[in-house]
Amino acid sequence: GVGHMSLDQDWHGIKSAFPVSSGGLHPGLVPDVLDIYGEDLVLLV
């Protein structure tokens, strides 16, 4: 958990899901998005 933003969660074997980043992106913003998310995401441009 992070402060008052979220709580601890053990998923106990529930599989993962991809975050999807979208909305007003273009090539010049791609590095900024990847700095936040890393490579495990769906990037919609």
PDB file of all heavy atoms in Angstrom:
ATOM      1  N   GLY A   1       0.812  -1.204   0.000  1.00  0.00           N
ATOM      2  CA  GLY A   1       0.000   0.000   0.000  1.00  0.00           C
ATOM      3  C   GLY A   1       0.848   1.259   0.000  1.00  0.00           C
ATOM      4  O   GLY A   1       1.979   1.279   0.495  1.00  0.00           O
ATOM      5  N   VAL A   2       0.284   2.329  -0.545  1.00  0.00           N
ATOM      6  CA  VAL A   2       0.977   3.622  -0.639  1.00  0.00           C
ATOM      7  C   VAL A   2       0.145   4.672   0.081  1.00  0.00           C
ATOM      8  O   VAL A   2      -0.908   5.100  -0.417  1.00  0.00           O
ATOM      9  CB  VAL A   2       1.198   4.034  -2.102  1.00  0.00           C
ATOM     10  CG1 VAL A   2       1.865   5.414  -2.168  1.00  0.00           C
ATOM     11  CG2 VAL A   2       2.028   2.992  -2.846  1.00  0.00           C
ATOM     12  N   GLY A   3       0.583   5.067   1.267  1.00  0.00           N
ATOM     13  CA  GLY A   3      -0.071   6.135   2.011  1.00  0.00           C
ATOM     14  C   GLY A   3      -1.573   5.968   2.074  1.00  0.00           C
ATOM     15  O   GLY A   3      -2.091   4.905   2.416  1.00  0.00           O
ATOM     16  N   HIS A   4      -2.282   7.033   1.707  1.00  0.00           N
ATOM     17  CA  HIS A   4      -3.734   6.992   1.664  1.00  0.00           C
ATOM     18  C   HIS A   4      -4.246   6.747   0.248  1.00  0.00           C
ATOM     19  O   HIS A   4      -5.425   6.994  -0.033  1.00  0.00           O
ATOM     20  CB  HIS A   4      -4.316   8.302   2.204  1.00  0.00           C
ATOM     21  CG  HIS A   4      -4.122   8.472   3.675  1.00  0.00           C
ATOM     22  ND1 HIS A   4      -3.585   9.615   4.226  1.00  0.00           N
ATOM     23  CD2 HIS A   4      -4.379   7.643   4.725  1.00  0.00           C
ATOM     24  CE1 HIS A   4      -3.529   9.489   5.548  1.00  0.00           C
ATOM     25  NE2 HIS A   4      -4.004   8.299   5.871  1.00  0.00           N
ATOM     26  N   MET A   5      -3.367   6.233  -0.629  1.00  0.00           N
ATOM     27  CA  MET A   5      -3.767   5.970  -2.015  1.00  0.00           C
ATOM     28  C   MET A   5      -4.201   4.527  -2.234  1.00  0.00           C
ATOM     29  O   MET A   5      -5.035   4.245  -3.106  1.00  0.00           O
ATOM     30  CB  MET A   5      -2.616   6.286  -2.978  1.00  0.00           C
ATOM     31  CG  MET A   5      -2.258   7.745  -3.071  1.00  0.00           C
ATOM     32  SD  MET A   5      -0.891   8.015  -4.222  1.00  0.00           S
ATOM     33  CE  MET A   5      -1.677   7.563  -5.779  1.00  0.00           C
ATOM     34  N   SER A   6      -3.615   3.596  -1.493  1.00  0.00           N
ATOM     35  CA  SER A   6      -3.921   2.182  -1.719  1.00  0.00           C
ATOM     36  C   SER A   6      -3.537   1.375  -0.487  1.00  0.00           C
ATOM     37  O   SER A   6      -2.785   1.848   0.368  1.00  0.00           O
ATOM     38  CB  SER A   6      -3.177   1.653  -2.947  1.00  0.00           C
ATOM     39  OG  SER A   6      -1.769   1.728  -2.765  1.00  0.00           O
ATOM     40  N   LEU A   7      -4.046   0.150  -0.439  1.00  0.00           N
ATOM     41  CA  LEU A   7      -3.779  -0.757   0.667  1.00  0.00           C
ATOM     42  C   LEU A   7      -2.939  -1.940   0.200  1.00  0.00           C
ATOM     43  O   LEU A   7      -2.818  -2.192  -0.998  1.00  0.00           O
ATOM     44  CB  LEU A   7      -5.100  -1.277   1.240  1.00  0.00           C
ATOM     45  CG  LEU A   7      -6.050  -0.241   1.838  1.00  0.00           C
ATOM     46  CD1 LEU A   7      -7.362  -0.908   2.239  1.00  0.00           C
ATOM     47  CD2 LEU A   7      -5.419   0.450   3.045  1.00  0.00           C
ATOM     48  N   ASP A   8      -2.377  -2.669   1.155  1.00  0.00           N
ATOM     49  CA  ASP A   8      -1.672  -3.905   0.823  1.00  0.00           C
ATOM     50  C   ASP A   8      -2.644  -4.895   0.182  1.00  0.00           C
ATOM     51  O   ASP A   8      -3.831  -4.936   0.518  1.00  0.00           O
ATOM     52  CB  ASP A   8      -1.094  -4.555   2.085  1.00  0.00           C
ATOM     53  CG  ASP A   8       0.021  -3.744   2.726  1.00  0.00           C
ATOM     54  OD1 ASP A   8       0.516  -2.789   2.087  1.00  0.00           O
ATOM     55  OD2 ASP A   8       0.401  -4.063   3.869  1.00  0.00           O
ATOM     56  N   GLN A   9      -2.119  -5.685  -0.756  1.00  0.00           N
ATOM     57  CA  GLN A   9      -2.944  -6.731  -1.367  1.00  0.00           C
ATOM     58  C   GLN A   9      -2.068  -7.892  -1.799  1.00  0.00           C
ATOM     59  O   GLN A   9      -1.191  -7.731  -2.639  1.00  0.00           O
ATOM     60  CB  GLN A   9      -3.705  -6.202  -2.586  1.00  0.00           C
ATOM     61  CG  GLN A   9      -4.607  -7.235  -3.258  1.00  0.00           C
ATOM     62  CD  GLN A   9      -5.735  -7.681  -2.341  1.00  0.00           C
ATOM     63  OE1 GLN A   9      -6.529  -6.871  -1.880  1.00  0.00           O
ATOM     64  NE2 GLN A   9      -5.803  -8.984  -2.065  1.00  0.00           N
ATOM     65  N   ASP A  10      -2.287  -9.054  -1.213  1.00  0.00           N
ATOM     66  CA  ASP A  10      -1.689 -10.298  -1.681  1.00  0.00           C
ATOM     67  C   ASP A  10      -2.715 -10.956  -2.587  1.00  0.00           C
ATOM     68  O   ASP A  10      -3.832 -11.272  -2.165  1.00  0.00           O
ATOM     69  CB  ASP A  10      -1.354 -11.205  -0.492  1.00  0.00           C
ATOM     70  CG  ASP A  10      -0.576 -12.449  -0.898  1.00  0.00           C
ATOM     71  OD1 ASP A  10      -0.705 -12.887  -2.061  1.00  0.00           O
ATOM     72  OD2 ASP A  10       0.149 -12.997  -0.041  1.00  0.00           O
ATOM     73  N   TRP A  11      -2.336 -11.195  -3.847  1.00  0.00           N
ATOM     74  CA  TRP A  11      -3.304 -11.709  -4.822  1.00  0.00           C
ATOM     75  C   TRP A  11      -3.453 -13.229  -4.762  1.00  0.00           C
ATOM     76  O   TRP A  11      -4.332 -13.786  -5.429  1.00  0.00           O
ATOM     77  CB  TRP A  11      -2.920 -11.259  -6.226  1.00  0.00           C
ATOM     78  CG  TRP A  11      -3.323  -9.841  -6.504  1.00  0.00           C
ATOM     79  CD1 TRP A  11      -2.535  -8.731  -6.472  1.00  0.00           C
ATOM     80  CD2 TRP A  11      -4.642  -9.379  -6.826  1.00  0.00           C
ATOM     81  NE1 TRP A  11      -3.266  -7.606  -6.759  1.00  0.00           N
ATOM     82  CE2 TRP A  11      -4.564  -7.973  -6.991  1.00  0.00           C
ATOM     83  CE3 TRP A  11      -5.878  -9.997  -6.999  1.00  0.00           C
ATOM     84  CZ2 TRP A  11      -5.686  -7.200  -7.314  1.00  0.00           C
ATOM     85  CZ3 TRP A  11      -6.981  -9.230  -7.328  1.00  0.00           C
ATOM     86  CH2 TRP A  11      -6.881  -7.850  -7.483  1.00  0.00           C
ATOM     87  N   HIS A  12      -2.621 -13.916  -4.039  1.00  0.00           N
ATOM     88  CA  HIS A  12      -2.780 -15.352  -3.801  1.00  0.00           C
ATOM     89  C   HIS A  12      -3.045 -16.141  -5.092  1.00  0.00           C
ATOM     90  O   HIS A  12      -3.985 -16.944  -5.173  1.00  0.00           O
ATOM     91  CB  HIS A  12      -3.909 -15.607  -2.804  1.00  0.00           C
ATOM     92  CG  HIS A  12      -3.597 -15.126  -1.415  1.00  0.00           C
ATOM     93  ND1 HIS A  12      -2.685 -15.754  -0.581  1.00  0.00           N
ATOM     94  CD2 HIS A  12      -4.059 -14.050  -0.732  1.00  0.00           C
ATOM     95  CE1 HIS A  12      -2.609 -15.105   0.561  1.00  0.00           C
ATOM     96  NE2 HIS A  12      -3.423 -14.068   0.499  1.00  0.00           N
ATOM     97  N   GLY A  13      -2.225 -15.906  -6.100  1.00  0.00           N
ATOM     98  CA  GLY A  13      -2.310 -16.715  -7.313  1.00  0.00           C
ATOM     99  C   GLY A  13      -3.198 -16.166  -8.409  1.00  0.00           C
ATOM    100  O   GLY A  13      -3.202 -16.703  -9.528  1.00  0.00           O
ATOM    101  N   ILE A  14      -3.972 -15.099  -8.144  1.00  0.00           N
ATOM    102  CA  ILE A  14      -4.742 -14.454  -9.210  1.00  0.00           C
ATOM    103  C   ILE A  14      -3.747 -13.881 -10.221  1.00  0.00           C
ATOM    104  O   ILE A  14      -2.809 -13.178  -9.867  1.00  0.00           O
ATOM    105  CB  ILE A  14      -5.630 -13.329  -8.656  1.00  0.00           C
ATOM    106  CG1 ILE A  14      -6.696 -13.888  -7.715  1.00  0.00           C
ATOM    107  CG2 ILE A  14      -6.262 -12.530  -9.797  1.00  0.00           C
ATOM    108  CD1 ILE A  14      -7.843 -14.584  -8.386  1.00  0.00           C
ATOM    109  N   LYS A  15      -3.949 -14.188 -11.510  1.00  0.00           N
ATOM    110  CA  LYS A  15      -2.993 -13.759 -12.529  1.00  0.00           C
ATOM    111  C   LYS A  15      -3.003 -12.239 -12.720  1.00  0.00           C
ATOM    112  O   LYS A  15      -3.935 -11.543 -12.323  1.00  0.00           O
ATOM    113  CB  LYS A  15      -3.306 -14.451 -13.858  1.00  0.00           C
ATOM    114  CG  LYS A  15      -3.006 -15.946 -13.854  1.00  0.00           C
ATOM    115  CD  LYS A  15      -3.326 -16.568 -15.206  1.00  0.00           C
ATOM    116  CE  LYS A  15      -3.046 -18.066 -15.201  1.00  0.00           C
ATOM    117  NZ  LYS A  15      -3.421 -18.707 -16.486  1.00  0.00           N
ATOM    118  N   SER A  16      -1.950 -11.769 -13.362  1.00  0.00           N
ATOM    119  CA  SER A  16      -1.755 -10.341 -13.589  1.00  0.00           C
ATOM    120  C   SER A  16      -2.558  -9.853 -14.792  1.00  0.00           C
ATOM    121  O   SER A  16      -3.053 -10.644 -15.605  1.00  0.00           O
ATOM    122  CB  SER A  16      -0.268 -10.056 -13.828  1.00  0.00           C
ATOM    123  OG  SER A  16       0.195 -10.804 -14.952  1.00  0.00           O
ATOM    124  N   ALA A  17      -2.664  -8.528 -14.906  1.00  0.00           N
ATOM    125  CA  ALA A  17      -3.301  -7.882 -16.049  1.00  0.00           C
ATOM    126  C   ALA A  17      -2.444  -6.694 -16.473  1.00  0.00           C
ATOM    127  O   ALA A  17      -1.766  -6.073 -15.649  1.00  0.00           O
ATOM    128  CB  ALA A  17      -4.714  -7.425 -15.705  1.00  0.00           C
ATOM    129  N   PHE A  18      -2.477  -6.374 -17.759  1.00  0.00           N
ATOM    130  CA  PHE A  18      -1.700  -5.248 -18.272  1.00  0.00           C
ATOM    131  C   PHE A  18      -2.394  -3.915 -17.984  1.00  0.00           C
ATOM    132  O   PHE A  18      -3.598  -3.775 -18.233  1.00  0.00           O
ATOM    133  CB  PHE A  18      -1.548  -5.343 -19.793  1.00  0.00           C
ATOM    134  CG  PHE A  18      -0.409  -6.186 -20.270  1.00  0.00           C
ATOM    135  CD1 PHE A  18      -0.653  -7.413 -20.872  1.00  0.00           C
ATOM    136  CD2 PHE A  18       0.897  -5.754 -20.153  1.00  0.00           C
ATOM    137  CE1 PHE A  18       0.393  -8.186 -21.342  1.00  0.00           C
ATOM    138  CE2 PHE A  18       1.950  -6.518 -20.618  1.00  0.00           C
ATOM    139  CZ  PHE A  18       1.704  -7.743 -21.211  1.00  0.00           C
ATOM    140  N   PRO A  19      -1.664  -2.906 -17.511  1.00  0.00           N
ATOM    141  CA  PRO A  19      -2.179  -1.545 -17.587  1.00  0.00           C
ATOM    142  C   PRO A  19      -2.112  -1.061 -19.034  1.00  0.00           C
ATOM    143  O   PRO A  19      -1.237  -1.490 -19.803  1.00  0.00           O
ATOM    144  CB  PRO A  19      -1.221  -0.752 -16.690  1.00  0.00           C
ATOM    145  CG  PRO A  19       0.063  -1.519 -16.725  1.00  0.00           C
ATOM    146  CD  PRO A  19      -0.313  -2.967 -16.911  1.00  0.00           C
ATOM    147  N   VAL A  20      -3.035  -0.198 -19.403  1.00  0.00           N
ATOM    148  CA  VAL A  20      -3.075   0.358 -20.758  1.00  0.00           C
ATOM    149  C   VAL A  20      -2.932   1.864 -20.645  1.00  0.00           C
ATOM    150  O   VAL A  20      -3.710   2.518 -19.946  1.00  0.00           O
ATOM    151  CB  VAL A  20      -4.400   0.010 -21.468  1.00  0.00           C
ATOM    152  CG1 VAL A  20      -4.426   0.616 -22.870  1.00  0.00           C
ATOM    153  CG2 VAL A  20      -4.594  -1.503 -21.530  1.00  0.00           C
ATOM    154  N   SER A  21      -1.945   2.416 -21.328  1.00  0.00           N
ATOM    155  CA  SER A  21      -1.716   3.859 -21.291  1.00  0.00           C
ATOM    156  C   SER A  21      -2.207   4.463 -22.599  1.00  0.00           C
ATOM    157  O   SER A  21      -1.755   4.086 -23.684  1.00  0.00           O
ATOM    158  CB  SER A  21      -0.226   4.145 -21.098  1.00  0.00           C
ATOM    159  OG  SER A  21       0.007   5.530 -20.978  1.00  0.00           O
ATOM    160  N   SER A  22      -3.141   5.408 -22.492  1.00  0.00           N
ATOM    161  CA  SER A  22      -3.721   5.993 -23.702  1.00  0.00           C
ATOM    162  C   SER A  22      -4.263   7.372 -23.391  1.00  0.00           C
ATOM    163  O   SER A  22      -4.544   7.709 -22.247  1.00  0.00           O
ATOM    164  CB  SER A  22      -4.864   5.110 -24.226  1.00  0.00           C
ATOM    165  OG  SER A  22      -5.945   5.108 -23.313  1.00  0.00           O
ATOM    166  N   GLY A  23      -4.416   8.178 -24.441  1.00  0.00           N
ATOM    167  CA  GLY A  23      -5.043   9.478 -24.290  1.00  0.00           C
ATOM    168  C   GLY A  23      -4.103  10.636 -24.553  1.00  0.00           C
ATOM    169  O   GLY A  23      -3.413  11.092 -23.642  1.00  0.00           O
ATOM    170  N   GLY A  24      -4.028  11.102 -25.787  1.00  0.00           N
ATOM    171  CA  GLY A  24      -3.227  12.276 -26.107  1.00  0.00           C
ATOM    172  C   GLY A  24      -1.743  12.023 -26.238  1.00  0.00           C
ATOM    173  O   GLY A  24      -0.941  12.939 -26.029  1.00  0.00           O
ATOM    174  N   LEU A  25      -1.366  10.805 -26.604  1.00  0.00           N
ATOM    175  CA  LEU A  25       0.062  10.489 -26.743  1.00  0.00           C
ATOM    176  C   LEU A  25       0.540  10.676 -28.181  1.00  0.00           C
ATOM    177  O   LEU A  25      -0.231  10.585 -29.131  1.00  0.00           O
ATOM    178  CB  LEU A  25       0.332   9.055 -26.296  1.00  0.00           C
ATOM    179  CG  LEU A  25       0.059   8.729 -24.831  1.00  0.00           C
ATOM    180  CD1 LEU A  25       0.376   7.271 -24.533  1.00  0.00           C
ATOM    181  CD2 LEU A  25       0.869   9.642 -23.912  1.00  0.00           C
ATOM    182  N   HIS A  26       1.832  10.921 -28.306  1.00  0.00           N
ATOM    183  CA  HIS A  26       2.513  10.965 -29.609  1.00  0.00           C
ATOM    184  C   HIS A  26       3.951  10.501 -29.378  1.00  0.00           C
ATOM    185  O   HIS A  26       4.372  10.301 -28.217  1.00  0.00           O
ATOM    186  CB  HIS A  26       2.454  12.379 -30.213  1.00  0.00           C
ATOM    187  CG  HIS A  26       3.019  13.458 -29.332  1.00  0.00           C
ATOM    188  ND1 HIS A  26       4.377  13.657 -29.170  1.00  0.00           N
ATOM    189  CD2 HIS A  26       2.415  14.396 -28.547  1.00  0.00           C
ATOM    190  CE1 HIS A  26       4.588  14.666 -28.346  1.00  0.00           C
ATOM    191  NE2 HIS A  26       3.408  15.126 -27.945  1.00  0.00           N
ATOM    192  N   PRO A  27       4.735  10.285 -30.425  1.00  0.00           N
ATOM    193  CA  PRO A  27       6.080   9.743 -30.224  1.00  0.00           C
ATOM    194  C   PRO A  27       6.947  10.520 -29.252  1.00  0.00           C
ATOM    195  O   PRO A  27       7.741   9.934 -28.507  1.00  0.00           O
ATOM    196  CB  PRO A  27       6.668   9.762 -31.642  1.00  0.00           C
ATOM    197  CG  PRO A  27       5.476   9.558 -32.529  1.00  0.00           C
ATOM    198  CD  PRO A  27       4.367  10.338 -31.865  1.00  0.00           C
ATOM    199  N   GLY A  28       6.774  11.835 -29.183  1.00  0.00           N
ATOM    200  CA  GLY A  28       7.603  12.641 -28.285  1.00  0.00           C
ATOM    201  C   GLY A  28       7.333  12.403 -26.817  1.00  0.00           C
ATOM    202  O   GLY A  28       8.162  12.772 -25.966  1.00  0.00           O
ATOM    203  N   LEU A  29       6.193  11.789 -26.490  1.00  0.00           N
ATOM    204  CA  LEU A  29       5.853  11.506 -25.095  1.00  0.00           C
ATOM    205  C   LEU A  29       6.091  10.056 -24.700  1.00  0.00           C
ATOM    206  O   LEU A  29       5.957   9.711 -23.524  1.00  0.00           O
ATOM    207  CB  LEU A  29       4.381  11.864 -24.836  1.00  0.00           C
ATOM    208  CG  LEU A  29       4.008  13.333 -24.977  1.00  0.00           C
ATOM    209  CD1 LEU A  29       2.516  13.530 -24.726  1.00  0.00           C
ATOM    210  CD2 LEU A  29       4.828  14.210 -24.040  1.00  0.00           C
ATOM    211  N   VAL A  30       6.452   9.213 -25.646  1.00  0.00           N
ATOM    212  CA  VAL A  30       6.620   7.790 -25.363  1.00  0.00           C
ATOM    213  C   VAL A  30       7.629   7.526 -24.247  1.00  0.00           C
ATOM    214  O   VAL A  30       7.351   6.745 -23.322  1.00  0.00           O
ATOM    215  CB  VAL A  30       6.984   7.021 -26.652  1.00  0.00           C
ATOM    216  CG1 VAL A  30       7.507   5.615 -26.339  1.00  0.00           C
ATOM    217  CG2 VAL A  30       5.759   6.935 -27.563  1.00  0.00           C
ATOM    218  N   PRO A  31       8.818   8.147 -24.255  1.00  0.00           N
ATOM    219  CA  PRO A  31       9.761   7.877 -23.159  1.00  0.00           C
ATOM    220  C   PRO A  31       9.213   8.260 -21.785  1.00  0.00           C
ATOM    221  O   PRO A  31       9.482   7.576 -20.793  1.00  0.00           O
ATOM    222  CB  PRO A  31      10.987   8.723 -23.523  1.00  0.00           C
ATOM    223  CG  PRO A  31      10.909   8.881 -25.000  1.00  0.00           C
ATOM    224  CD  PRO A  31       9.444   9.002 -25.288  1.00  0.00           C
ATOM    225  N   ASP A  32       8.433   9.349 -21.713  1.00  0.00           N
ATOM    226  CA  ASP A  32       7.855   9.758 -20.432  1.00  0.00           C
ATOM    227  C   ASP A  32       6.922   8.684 -19.896  1.00  0.00           C
ATOM    228  O   ASP A  32       6.928   8.375 -18.697  1.00  0.00           O
ATOM    229  CB  ASP A  32       7.078  11.062 -20.598  1.00  0.00           C
ATOM    230  CG  ASP A  32       7.972  12.244 -20.936  1.00  0.00           C
ATOM    231  OD1 ASP A  32       9.148  12.215 -20.552  1.00  0.00           O
ATOM    232  OD2 ASP A  32       7.490  13.189 -21.576  1.00  0.00           O
ATOM    233  N   VAL A  33       6.110   8.104 -20.773  1.00  0.00           N
ATOM    234  CA  VAL A  33       5.189   7.051 -20.353  1.00  0.00           C
ATOM    235  C   VAL A  33       5.959   5.816 -19.909  1.00  0.00           C
ATOM    236  O   VAL A  33       5.647   5.195 -18.884  1.00  0.00           O
ATOM    237  CB  VAL A  33       4.213   6.700 -21.488  1.00  0.00           C
ATOM    238  CG1 VAL A  33       3.337   5.508 -21.103  1.00  0.00           C
ATOM    239  CG2 VAL A  33       3.335   7.898 -21.833  1.00  0.00           C
ATOM    240  N   LEU A  34       6.984   5.439 -20.661  1.00  0.00           N
ATOM    241  CA  LEU A  34       7.747   4.232 -20.325  1.00  0.00           C
ATOM    242  C   LEU A  34       8.562   4.422 -19.046  1.00  0.00           C
ATOM    243  O   LEU A  34       8.791   3.457 -18.305  1.00  0.00           O
ATOM    244  CB  LEU A  34       8.653   3.843 -21.488  1.00  0.00           C
ATOM    245  CG  LEU A  34       7.920   3.485 -22.793  1.00  0.00           C
ATOM    246  CD1 LEU A  34       8.918   3.055 -23.869  1.00  0.00           C
ATOM    247  CD2 LEU A  34       6.900   2.389 -22.568  1.00  0.00           C
ATOM    248  N   ASP A  35       8.975   5.653 -18.765  1.00  0.00           N
ATOM    249  CA  ASP A  35       9.650   5.921 -17.489  1.00  0.00           C
ATOM    250  C   ASP A  35       8.715   5.631 -16.316  1.00  0.00           C
ATOM    251  O   ASP A  35       9.150   5.197 -15.248  1.00  0.00           O
ATOM    252  CB  ASP A  35      10.110   7.377 -17.416  1.00  0.00           C
ATOM    253  CG  ASP A  35      11.363   7.648 -18.239  1.00  0.00           C
ATOM    254  OD1 ASP A  35      12.055   6.682 -18.615  1.00  0.00           O
ATOM    255  OD2 ASP A  35      11.630   8.838 -18.521  1.00  0.00           O
ATOM    256  N   ILE A  36       7.429   5.878 -16.495  1.00  0.00           N
ATOM    257  CA  ILE A  36       6.441   5.651 -15.440  1.00  0.00           C
ATOM    258  C   ILE A  36       6.107   4.174 -15.317  1.00  0.00           C
ATOM    259  O   ILE A  36       6.113   3.600 -14.224  1.00  0.00           O
ATOM    260  CB  ILE A  36       5.168   6.466 -15.719  1.00  0.00           C
ATOM    261  CG1 ILE A  36       5.466   7.965 -15.630  1.00  0.00           C
ATOM    262  CG2 ILE A  36       4.046   6.076 -14.745  1.00  0.00           C
ATOM    263  CD1 ILE A  36       4.347   8.850 -16.157  1.00  0.00           C
ATOM    264  N   TYR A  37       5.821   3.531 -16.437  1.00  0.00           N
ATOM    265  CA  TYR A  37       5.268   2.177 -16.430  1.00  0.00           C
ATOM    266  C   TYR A  37       6.298   1.062 -16.611  1.00  0.00           C
ATOM    267  O   TYR A  37       6.042  -0.083 -16.234  1.00  0.00           O
ATOM    268  CB  TYR A  37       4.243   2.027 -17.550  1.00  0.00           C
ATOM    269  CG  TYR A  37       2.892   2.628 -17.279  1.00  0.00           C
ATOM    270  CD1 TYR A  37       2.548   3.877 -17.787  1.00  0.00           C
ATOM    271  CD2 TYR A  37       1.941   1.940 -16.541  1.00  0.00           C
ATOM    272  CE1 TYR A  37       1.287   4.422 -17.564  1.00  0.00           C
ATOM    273  CE2 TYR A  37       0.678   2.472 -16.315  1.00  0.00           C
ATOM    274  CZ  TYR A  37       0.356   3.705 -16.832  1.00  0.00           C
ATOM    275  OH  TYR A  37      -0.885   4.233 -16.608  1.00  0.00           O
ATOM    276  N   GLY A  38       7.437   1.363 -17.248  1.00  0.00           N
ATOM    277  CA  GLY A  38       8.296   0.272 -17.678  1.00  0.00           C
ATOM    278  C   GLY A  38       7.734  -0.350 -18.944  1.00  0.00           C
ATOM    279  O   GLY A  38       6.890   0.228 -19.621  1.00  0.00           O
ATOM    280  N   GLU A  39       8.174  -1.561 -19.257  1.00  0.00           N
ATOM    281  CA  GLU A  39       7.792  -2.164 -20.537  1.00  0.00           C
ATOM    282  C   GLU A  39       6.570  -3.064 -20.455  1.00  0.00           C
ATOM    283  O   GLU A  39       6.055  -3.501 -21.487  1.00  0.00           O
ATOM    284  CB  GLU A  39       8.958  -2.961 -21.119  1.00  0.00           C
ATOM    285  CG  GLU A  39       9.390  -4.142 -20.284  1.00  0.00           C
ATOM    286  CD  GLU A  39      10.625  -4.838 -20.849  1.00  0.00           C
ATOM    287  OE1 GLU A  39      11.411  -4.190 -21.571  1.00  0.00           O
ATOM    288  OE2 GLU A  39      10.800  -6.042 -20.578  1.00  0.00           O
ATOM    289  N   ASP A  40       6.089  -3.351 -19.245  1.00  0.00           N
ATOM    290  CA  ASP A  40       4.920  -4.219 -19.115  1.00  0.00           C
ATOM    291  C   ASP A  40       3.636  -3.395 -19.152  1.00  0.00           C
ATOM    292  O   ASP A  40       3.007  -3.096 -18.127  1.00  0.00           O
ATOM    293  CB  ASP A  40       4.993  -5.040 -17.821  1.00  0.00           C
ATOM    294  CG  ASP A  40       5.859  -6.274 -17.968  1.00  0.00           C
ATOM    295  OD1 ASP A  40       5.926  -6.819 -19.079  1.00  0.00           O
ATOM    296  OD2 ASP A  40       6.474  -6.684 -16.974  1.00  0.00           O
ATOM    297  N   LEU A  41       3.268  -2.987 -20.346  1.00  0.00           N
ATOM    298  CA  LEU A  41       2.038  -2.235 -20.539  1.00  0.00           C
ATOM    299  C   LEU A  41       1.590  -2.367 -21.984  1.00  0.00           C
ATOM    300  O   LEU A  41       2.352  -2.833 -22.844  1.00  0.00           O
ATOM    301  CB  LEU A  41       2.211  -0.755 -20.203  1.00  0.00           C
ATOM    302  CG  LEU A  41       2.801   0.168 -21.276  1.00  0.00           C
ATOM    303  CD1 LEU A  41       2.390   1.611 -21.025  1.00  0.00           C
ATOM    304  CD2 LEU A  41       4.319   0.055 -21.321  1.00  0.00           C
ATOM    305  N   VAL A  42       0.362  -1.953 -22.239  1.00  0.00           N
ATOM    306  CA  VAL A  42      -0.135  -1.773 -23.597  1.00  0.00           C
ATOM    307  C   VAL A  42      -0.111  -0.276 -23.866  1.00  0.00           C
ATOM    308  O   VAL A  42      -0.765   0.501 -23.175  1.00  0.00           O
ATOM    309  CB  VAL A  42      -1.556  -2.337 -23.768  1.00  0.00           C
ATOM    310  CG1 VAL A  42      -2.042  -2.111 -25.197  1.00  0.00           C
ATOM    311  CG2 VAL A  42      -1.603  -3.815 -23.411  1.00  0.00           C
ATOM    312  N   LEU A  43       0.665   0.123 -24.851  1.00  0.00           N
ATOM    313  CA  LEU A  43       0.866   1.532 -25.183  1.00  0.00           C
ATOM    314  C   LEU A  43       0.009   1.876 -26.395  1.00  0.00           C
ATOM    315  O   LEU A  43       0.240   1.363 -27.491  1.00  0.00           O
ATOM    316  CB  LEU A  43       2.345   1.797 -25.472  1.00  0.00           C
ATOM    317  CG  LEU A  43       2.740   3.220 -25.847  1.00  0.00           C
ATOM    318  CD1 LEU A  43       2.508   4.169 -24.674  1.00  0.00           C
ATOM    319  CD2 LEU A  43       4.198   3.269 -26.291  1.00  0.00           C
ATOM    320  N   LEU A  44      -0.983   2.740 -26.193  1.00  0.00           N
ATOM    321  CA  LEU A  44      -1.865   3.145 -27.285  1.00  0.00           C
ATOM    322  C   LEU A  44      -1.522   4.571 -27.713  1.00  0.00           C
ATOM    323  O   LEU A  44      -1.647   5.508 -26.924  1.00  0.00           O
ATOM    324  CB  LEU A  44      -3.329   3.083 -26.850  1.00  0.00           C
ATOM    325  CG  LEU A  44      -3.879   1.714 -26.435  1.00  0.00           C
ATOM    326  CD1 LEU A  44      -5.366   1.836 -26.084  1.00  0.00           C
ATOM    327  CD2 LEU A  44      -3.683   0.678 -27.539  1.00  0.00           C
ATOM    328  N   VAL A  45      -1.077   4.708 -28.941  1.00  0.00           N
ATOM    329  CA  VAL A  45      -0.770   6.023 -29.524  1.00  0.00           C
ATOM    330  C   VAL A  45      -1.621   6.136 -30.776  1.00  0.00           C
ATOM    331  O   VAL A  45      -1.365   5.447 -31.762  1.00  0.00           O
ATOM    332  CB  VAL A  45       0.726   6.162 -29.863  1.00  0.00           C
ATOM    333  CG1 VAL A  45       1.039   7.593 -30.292  1.00  0.00           C
ATOM    334  CG2 VAL A  45       1.600   5.765 -28.682  1.00  0.00           C
TER     335      VAL A  45
END
